[in-house]
Amino acid sequence: MLVVAMMFSFYFGIYSSTMLGAFVEIVPKHVRTTCFSLAFALAAALFGTFRPLASTWLIDRPDDKASPGFWLMFAAVLGIIAALTVYPERQASRVAKPSRPERPNSVLGVQATPH
């Protein structure tokens, strides 16, 4: 049981880290906190509160106790669609660039003076 819990924790960590990294790239800095809290609250409200009803219905209708896995598959498909929407193509220009040009004569912020 511990191995299974560790495996799920590993996958959750991978999912969370990539989601947060993508979110930081998408949302401007001045509205990042508001957008993140709104997105998290909506996702928790739509998928978290509806999950017990969906799981009960999925177990009852096809009479299969493993059918709540379909709910997870649906969420995974939505995640893949979101990832493909956010990153439609990989570009070499997406490499991080410095925000301001570096001065060739400066070392650690100290200007070299000409003699």
Protein backbone atom coordinates (compact mmCIF):
# COMPACT_ATOMS: atom_id res chain seq x y z
CA MET A 1 0.00 0.00 0.00
CA LEU A 2 2.87 2.35 0.77
CA VAL A 3 4.40 1.74 -2.66
CA VAL A 4 1.09 2.59 -4.36
CA ALA A 5 0.73 5.77 -2.28
CA MET A 6 4.28 6.77 -3.17
CA MET A 7 3.61 6.11 -6.86
CA PHE A 8 0.50 8.31 -6.82
CA SER A 9 2.40 11.00 -4.92
CA PHE A 10 5.11 10.90 -7.58
CA TYR A 11 2.58 11.34 -10.39
CA PHE A 12 0.81 14.10 -8.50
CA GLY A 13 4.11 15.91 -8.02
CA ILE A 14 4.89 15.71 -11.72
CA TYR A 15 1.41 16.95 -12.60
CA SER A 16 1.47 19.81 -10.10
CA SER A 17 4.94 21.02 -11.01
CA THR A 18 4.25 21.16 -14.74
CA MET A 19 0.86 22.79 -14.19
CA LEU A 20 2.34 25.53 -12.01
CA GLY A 21 5.20 26.11 -14.42
CA ALA A 22 2.80 26.48 -17.34
CA PHE A 23 0.55 28.75 -15.31
CA VAL A 24 3.44 31.07 -14.46
CA GLU A 25 4.30 31.35 -18.15
CA ILE A 26 0.73 32.08 -19.23
CA VAL A 27 -0.56 34.60 -16.69
CA PRO A 28 0.88 38.12 -16.31
CA LYS A 29 2.58 38.85 -13.01
CA HIS A 30 0.17 41.55 -11.82
CA VAL A 31 -2.89 39.23 -11.92
CA ARG A 32 -1.22 35.89 -11.25
CA THR A 33 -2.51 35.41 -7.69
CA THR A 34 -6.08 36.30 -8.59
CA CYS A 35 -6.11 34.06 -11.67
CA PHE A 36 -4.54 31.14 -9.84
CA SER A 37 -7.00 31.32 -6.95
CA LEU A 38 -9.94 31.64 -9.35
CA ALA A 39 -8.78 28.71 -11.49
CA PHE A 40 -8.12 26.54 -8.45
CA ALA A 41 -11.48 27.38 -6.87
CA LEU A 42 -13.41 26.70 -10.08
CA ALA A 43 -11.61 23.41 -10.67
CA ALA A 44 -12.24 22.31 -7.08
CA ALA A 45 -15.89 23.33 -7.30
CA LEU A 46 -16.57 21.67 -10.64
CA PHE A 47 -14.52 18.51 -10.30
CA GLY A 48 -14.13 18.10 -6.55
CA THR A 49 -17.73 18.58 -5.46
CA PHE A 50 -19.19 16.76 -8.44
CA ARG A 51 -16.88 13.75 -8.07
CA PRO A 52 -18.90 11.83 -5.42
CA LEU A 53 -22.06 12.13 -7.51
CA ALA A 54 -20.26 11.12 -10.69
CA SER A 55 -18.53 8.20 -8.96
CA THR A 56 -21.79 6.92 -7.47
CA TRP A 57 -23.54 7.21 -10.82
CA LEU A 58 -20.66 5.49 -12.63
CA ILE A 59 -20.71 2.60 -10.16
CA ASP A 60 -24.50 2.27 -10.28
CA ARG A 61 -25.16 2.53 -14.03
CA PRO A 62 -22.72 0.02 -15.57
CA ASP A 63 -22.60 -2.01 -12.31
CA ASP A 64 -18.81 -1.87 -12.34
CA LYS A 65 -16.91 -0.81 -9.23
CA ALA A 66 -13.86 0.21 -11.28
CA SER A 67 -15.83 2.61 -13.49
CA PRO A 68 -14.90 5.77 -11.49
CA GLY A 69 -11.62 5.38 -13.33
CA PHE A 70 -13.52 6.78 -16.32
CA TRP A 71 -13.84 10.05 -14.38
CA LEU A 72 -10.05 10.13 -14.01
CA MET A 73 -9.62 9.33 -17.69
CA PHE A 74 -11.96 12.19 -18.56
CA ALA A 75 -9.91 14.55 -16.38
CA ALA A 76 -6.70 13.30 -18.02
CA VAL A 77 -8.10 13.94 -21.50
CA LEU A 78 -9.08 17.46 -20.44
CA GLY A 79 -5.53 17.96 -19.17
CA ILE A 80 -4.04 16.79 -22.46
CA ILE A 81 -6.36 19.11 -24.40
CA ALA A 82 -5.37 22.01 -22.15
CA ALA A 83 -1.66 21.23 -22.60
CA LEU A 84 -2.01 21.07 -26.37
CA THR A 85 -3.91 24.35 -26.33
CA VAL A 86 -1.32 26.12 -24.20
CA TYR A 87 1.68 24.76 -26.11
CA PRO A 88 0.50 24.20 -29.70
CA GLU A 89 4.04 23.80 -30.98
CA ARG A 90 7.49 23.73 -29.52
CA GLN A 91 9.53 26.71 -30.56
CA ALA A 92 13.21 27.37 -30.08
CA SER A 93 12.36 31.01 -29.40
CA ARG A 94 10.69 30.08 -26.10
CA VAL A 95 14.09 29.79 -24.44
CA ALA A 96 14.38 32.19 -21.52
CA LYS A 97 16.13 35.41 -22.40
CA PRO A 98 17.51 38.03 -20.03
CA SER A 99 15.04 40.79 -19.31
CA ARG A 100 17.59 43.53 -19.99
CA PRO A 101 20.72 43.52 -22.12
CA GLU A 102 23.96 42.89 -20.31
CA ARG A 103 26.68 45.51 -20.43
CA PRO A 104 29.99 44.09 -21.62
CA ASN A 105 32.07 46.31 -19.31
CA SER A 106 30.16 45.57 -16.13
CA VAL A 107 31.12 42.86 -13.67
CA LEU A 108 28.67 42.17 -10.84
CA GLY A 109 27.05 45.56 -11.34
CA VAL A 110 30.29 47.55 -11.13
CA GLN A 111 31.10 49.72 -14.14
CA ALA A 112 34.64 49.64 -15.47
CA THR A 113 36.02 53.13 -15.86
CA PRO A 114 38.17 54.00 -18.88
CA HIS A 115 41.73 55.23 -18.09
